[in-house]
Amino acid sequence: MDIVLRAAVAYVFIVFMLRIVGRRELSSLGPTDLVLLVVMGDLIQNGVTQSDYSVTGIFLAVATIAMLTVATSFIVFKWPFAQRVIEGVPLILVEDGNPVAKNLKDERLNIDDLEEEMRGQGIESLDEVRWCVLESSGSMSFVKKSG
């Protein structure tokens, strides 16, 4: 039972930390982000199983994390408030060709990040963009101006 409780606490902690790290960082996974995730995973594993290296201990820890993942997806599906808290909401970064400075600052993004993403989607200038939305997944969606 001890492993189940530690795994549950670890799961909640990981979800919380990933929300703090930010959706954009997780979608691009630079070298430092990858190191953070690997080290965090190893440290969590040590805290969950402690000195229990039995197959039963592994099954308990993995099953607990899996059940919490399924439960979280069910909660997010059923209650929109939980979705906003756990996954976040889409955020407007550009409106009618003008960057929304507050939202860019809140997500620790700059114009260079926007322009890089625009070039990847075949957009040459902010003047062509009606909306740029940072999705909950961390990807950017662009809606071009018509005409």
C-alpha atoms as a PDB file:
ATOM      1  CA  MET A   1       0.000   0.000   0.000  1.00  0.00           C
ATOM      2  CA  ASP A   2       2.938   2.282   0.682  1.00  0.00           C
ATOM      3  CA  ILE A   3       4.067   2.068  -2.964  1.00  0.00           C
ATOM      4  CA  VAL A   4       0.570   2.934  -4.199  1.00  0.00           C
ATOM      5  CA  LEU A   5       0.435   6.085  -2.056  1.00  0.00           C
ATOM      6  CA  ARG A   6       3.931   7.185  -3.083  1.00  0.00           C
ATOM      7  CA  ALA A   7       3.083   6.570  -6.757  1.00  0.00           C
ATOM      8  CA  ALA A   8      -0.112   8.628  -6.443  1.00  0.00           C
ATOM      9  CA  VAL A   9       1.732  11.513  -4.807  1.00  0.00           C
ATOM     10  CA  ALA A  10       4.462  11.291  -7.461  1.00  0.00           C
ATOM     11  CA  TYR A  11       1.860  11.385 -10.251  1.00  0.00           C
ATOM     12  CA  VAL A  12       0.212  14.524  -8.890  1.00  0.00           C
ATOM     13  CA  PHE A  13       3.634  16.132  -8.428  1.00  0.00           C
ATOM     14  CA  ILE A  14       4.696  15.326 -12.010  1.00  0.00           C
ATOM     15  CA  VAL A  15       1.474  16.739 -13.489  1.00  0.00           C
ATOM     16  CA  PHE A  16       1.914  19.886 -11.395  1.00  0.00           C
ATOM     17  CA  MET A  17       5.556  20.289 -12.446  1.00  0.00           C
ATOM     18  CA  LEU A  18       4.759  19.800 -16.119  1.00  0.00           C
ATOM     19  CA  ARG A  19       2.129  22.549 -15.920  1.00  0.00           C
ATOM     20  CA  ILE A  20       4.720  24.861 -14.355  1.00  0.00           C
ATOM     21  CA  VAL A  21       7.374  24.039 -16.950  1.00  0.00           C
ATOM     22  CA  GLY A  22       5.008  25.260 -19.651  1.00  0.00           C
ATOM     23  CA  ARG A  23       3.356  23.799 -22.685  1.00  0.00           C
ATOM     24  CA  ARG A  24       5.662  25.381 -25.243  1.00  0.00           C
ATOM     25  CA  GLU A  25       8.801  23.961 -23.647  1.00  0.00           C
ATOM     26  CA  LEU A  26       7.316  20.474 -23.593  1.00  0.00           C
ATOM     27  CA  SER A  27       6.231  20.595 -27.230  1.00  0.00           C
ATOM     28  CA  SER A  28       9.730  21.442 -28.462  1.00  0.00           C
ATOM     29  CA  LEU A  29      11.765  19.400 -25.944  1.00  0.00           C
ATOM     30  CA  GLY A  30      15.149  21.032 -26.135  1.00  0.00           C
ATOM     31  CA  PRO A  31      18.190  19.346 -24.584  1.00  0.00           C
ATOM     32  CA  THR A  32      17.684  20.874 -21.136  1.00  0.00           C
ATOM     33  CA  ASP A  33      13.993  19.913 -21.128  1.00  0.00           C
ATOM     34  CA  LEU A  34      14.868  16.332 -22.015  1.00  0.00           C
ATOM     35  CA  VAL A  35      17.443  16.185 -19.216  1.00  0.00           C
ATOM     36  CA  LEU A  36      14.842  17.549 -16.786  1.00  0.00           C
ATOM     37  CA  LEU A  37      12.328  14.861 -17.744  1.00  0.00           C
ATOM     38  CA  VAL A  38      14.843  12.000 -17.588  1.00  0.00           C
ATOM     39  CA  VAL A  39      16.271  13.072 -14.239  1.00  0.00           C
ATOM     40  CA  MET A  40      12.814  13.762 -12.830  1.00  0.00           C
ATOM     41  CA  GLY A  41      11.664  10.302 -13.924  1.00  0.00           C
ATOM     42  CA  ASP A  42      14.618   8.612 -12.288  1.00  0.00           C
ATOM     43  CA  LEU A  43      14.255  10.570  -9.047  1.00  0.00           C
ATOM     44  CA  ILE A  44      10.522   9.860  -8.907  1.00  0.00           C
ATOM     45  CA  GLN A  45      11.167   6.144  -9.464  1.00  0.00           C
ATOM     46  CA  ASN A  46      13.591   6.087  -6.540  1.00  0.00           C
ATOM     47  CA  GLY A  47      11.070   7.841  -4.328  1.00  0.00           C
ATOM     48  CA  VAL A  48       8.193   5.593  -5.319  1.00  0.00           C
ATOM     49  CA  THR A  49       9.823   2.192  -5.029  1.00  0.00           C
ATOM     50  CA  GLN A  50      12.530   3.094  -2.487  1.00  0.00           C
ATOM     51  CA  SER A  51      14.375  -0.167  -1.848  1.00  0.00           C
ATOM     52  CA  ASP A  52      11.582  -2.421  -3.127  1.00  0.00           C
ATOM     53  CA  TYR A  53      12.895  -3.964  -6.342  1.00  0.00           C
ATOM     54  CA  SER A  54      10.321  -6.743  -6.466  1.00  0.00           C
ATOM     55  CA  VAL A  55       8.147  -7.423  -9.483  1.00  0.00           C
ATOM     56  CA  THR A  56       5.102  -6.831  -7.281  1.00  0.00           C
ATOM     57  CA  GLY A  57       6.401  -3.388  -6.367  1.00  0.00           C
ATOM     58  CA  ILE A  58       6.940  -2.522 -10.028  1.00  0.00           C
ATOM     59  CA  PHE A  59       3.449  -3.743 -10.939  1.00  0.00           C
ATOM     60  CA  LEU A  60       1.888  -1.724  -8.135  1.00  0.00           C
ATOM     61  CA  ALA A  61       3.704   1.476  -9.080  1.00  0.00           C
ATOM     62  CA  VAL A  62       3.018   1.157 -12.817  1.00  0.00           C
ATOM     63  CA  ALA A  63      -0.626   0.149 -12.298  1.00  0.00           C
ATOM     64  CA  THR A  64      -1.181   3.101  -9.957  1.00  0.00           C
ATOM     65  CA  ILE A  65       0.277   5.585 -12.448  1.00  0.00           C
ATOM     66  CA  ALA A  66      -1.734   4.006 -15.296  1.00  0.00           C
ATOM     67  CA  MET A  67      -5.006   4.126 -13.330  1.00  0.00           C
ATOM     68  CA  LEU A  68      -4.377   7.738 -12.347  1.00  0.00           C
ATOM     69  CA  THR A  69      -3.713   8.608 -15.990  1.00  0.00           C
ATOM     70  CA  VAL A  70      -7.013   7.034 -17.045  1.00  0.00           C
ATOM     71  CA  ALA A  71      -8.834   8.716 -14.148  1.00  0.00           C
ATOM     72  CA  THR A  72      -7.326  12.081 -15.072  1.00  0.00           C
ATOM     73  CA  SER A  73      -8.429  11.742 -18.697  1.00  0.00           C
ATOM     74  CA  PHE A  74     -11.948  10.824 -17.528  1.00  0.00           C
ATOM     75  CA  ILE A  75     -12.076  13.828 -15.171  1.00  0.00           C
ATOM     76  CA  VAL A  76     -10.840  16.153 -17.939  1.00  0.00           C
ATOM     77  CA  PHE A  77     -13.491  14.729 -20.293  1.00  0.00           C
ATOM     78  CA  LYS A  78     -16.349  15.104 -17.779  1.00  0.00           C
ATOM     79  CA  TRP A  79     -15.609  18.492 -16.205  1.00  0.00           C
ATOM     80  CA  PRO A  80     -14.425  21.442 -18.337  1.00  0.00           C
ATOM     81  CA  PHE A  81     -13.097  23.230 -15.241  1.00  0.00           C
ATOM     82  CA  ALA A  82     -10.716  20.336 -14.601  1.00  0.00           C
ATOM     83  CA  GLN A  83      -9.569  20.478 -18.216  1.00  0.00           C
ATOM     84  CA  ARG A  84      -8.664  24.151 -17.850  1.00  0.00           C
ATOM     85  CA  VAL A  85      -6.714  23.442 -14.651  1.00  0.00           C
ATOM     86  CA  ILE A  86      -4.942  20.257 -15.746  1.00  0.00           C
ATOM     87  CA  GLU A  87      -4.354  20.828 -19.461  1.00  0.00           C
ATOM     88  CA  GLY A  88      -4.712  24.576 -19.817  1.00  0.00           C
ATOM     89  CA  VAL A  89      -6.644  26.511 -22.441  1.00  0.00           C
ATOM     90  CA  PRO A  90      -5.662  27.797 -25.881  1.00  0.00           C
ATOM     91  CA  LEU A  91      -4.071  31.230 -25.716  1.00  0.00           C
ATOM     92  CA  ILE A  92      -4.105  33.956 -28.388  1.00  0.00           C
ATOM     93  CA  LEU A  93      -0.575  35.094 -29.234  1.00  0.00           C
ATOM     94  CA  VAL A  94      -1.302  37.216 -32.326  1.00  0.00           C
ATOM     95  CA  GLU A  95      -4.476  39.093 -33.199  1.00  0.00           C
ATOM     96  CA  ASP A  96      -4.831  40.770 -36.609  1.00  0.00           C
ATOM     97  CA  GLY A  97      -1.071  40.765 -37.163  1.00  0.00           C
ATOM     98  CA  ASN A  98      -0.302  42.281 -33.740  1.00  0.00           C
ATOM     99  CA  PRO A  99       1.470  40.218 -31.087  1.00  0.00           C
ATOM    100  CA  VAL A 100      -0.321  40.042 -27.727  1.00  0.00           C
ATOM    101  CA  ALA A 101       2.618  41.025 -25.521  1.00  0.00           C
ATOM    102  CA  LYS A 102       1.106  39.916 -22.212  1.00  0.00           C
ATOM    103  CA  ASN A 103       0.368  36.403 -23.466  1.00  0.00           C
ATOM    104  CA  LEU A 104       3.801  36.082 -25.055  1.00  0.00           C
ATOM    105  CA  LYS A 105       5.426  37.159 -21.805  1.00  0.00           C
ATOM    106  CA  ASP A 106       3.267  34.795 -19.724  1.00  0.00           C
ATOM    107  CA  GLU A 107       4.357  31.864 -21.923  1.00  0.00           C
ATOM    108  CA  ARG A 108       7.997  33.010 -22.061  1.00  0.00           C
ATOM    109  CA  LEU A 109       7.910  33.400 -25.849  1.00  0.00           C
ATOM    110  CA  ASN A 110       9.285  36.145 -28.055  1.00  0.00           C
ATOM    111  CA  ILE A 111       8.773  37.331 -31.626  1.00  0.00           C
ATOM    112  CA  ASP A 112      11.638  35.121 -32.842  1.00  0.00           C
ATOM    113  CA  ASP A 113       9.757  32.040 -31.564  1.00  0.00           C
ATOM    114  CA  LEU A 114       6.632  33.155 -33.437  1.00  0.00           C
ATOM    115  CA  GLU A 115       8.543  33.872 -36.633  1.00  0.00           C
ATOM    116  CA  GLU A 116      10.287  30.502 -36.502  1.00  0.00           C
ATOM    117  CA  GLU A 117       6.947  28.741 -36.212  1.00  0.00           C
ATOM    118  CA  MET A 118       5.475  30.929 -38.975  1.00  0.00           C
ATOM    119  CA  ARG A 119       8.294  30.046 -41.363  1.00  0.00           C
ATOM    120  CA  GLY A 120       7.710  26.372 -40.609  1.00  0.00           C
ATOM    121  CA  GLN A 121       4.102  26.811 -41.719  1.00  0.00           C
ATOM    122  CA  GLY A 122       4.923  28.854 -44.832  1.00  0.00           C
ATOM    123  CA  ILE A 123       3.947  32.275 -43.461  1.00  0.00           C
ATOM    124  CA  GLU A 124       6.343  35.103 -44.276  1.00  0.00           C
ATOM    125  CA  SER A 125       5.086  37.992 -42.154  1.00  0.00           C
ATOM    126  CA  LEU A 126       2.951  38.771 -39.117  1.00  0.00           C
ATOM    127  CA  ASP A 127       0.889  40.965 -41.444  1.00  0.00           C
ATOM    128  CA  GLU A 128      -0.491  37.753 -43.005  1.00  0.00           C
ATOM    129  CA  VAL A 129      -1.703  36.401 -39.648  1.00  0.00           C
ATOM    130  CA  ARG A 130      -5.224  36.991 -38.403  1.00  0.00           C
ATOM    131  CA  TRP A 131      -4.812  34.740 -35.347  1.00  0.00           C
ATOM    132  CA  CYS A 132      -2.029  32.742 -33.794  1.00  0.00           C
ATOM    133  CA  VAL A 133      -3.168  30.445 -31.015  1.00  0.00           C
ATOM    134  CA  LEU A 134      -0.938  28.529 -28.626  1.00  0.00           C
ATOM    135  CA  GLU A 135      -2.844  25.285 -28.203  1.00  0.00           C
ATOM    136  CA  SER A 136      -3.006  23.287 -24.973  1.00  0.00           C
ATOM    137  CA  SER A 137      -0.590  20.794 -26.534  1.00  0.00           C
ATOM    138  CA  GLY A 138       2.051  23.496 -27.003  1.00  0.00           C
ATOM    139  CA  SER A 139       1.708  23.720 -30.787  1.00  0.00           C
ATOM    140  CA  MET A 140       0.915  26.988 -32.525  1.00  0.00           C
ATOM    141  CA  SER A 141      -2.021  27.291 -34.915  1.00  0.00           C
ATOM    142  CA  PHE A 142      -2.103  30.106 -37.453  1.00  0.00           C
ATOM    143  CA  VAL A 143      -5.153  31.494 -39.223  1.00  0.00           C
ATOM    144  CA  LYS A 144      -4.214  33.643 -42.203  1.00  0.00           C
ATOM    145  CA  LYS A 145      -6.044  36.810 -43.144  1.00  0.00           C
ATOM    146  CA  SER A 146      -8.309  36.317 -46.125  1.00  0.00           C
ATOM    147  CA  GLY A 147      -7.442  37.980 -49.388  1.00  0.00           C
END
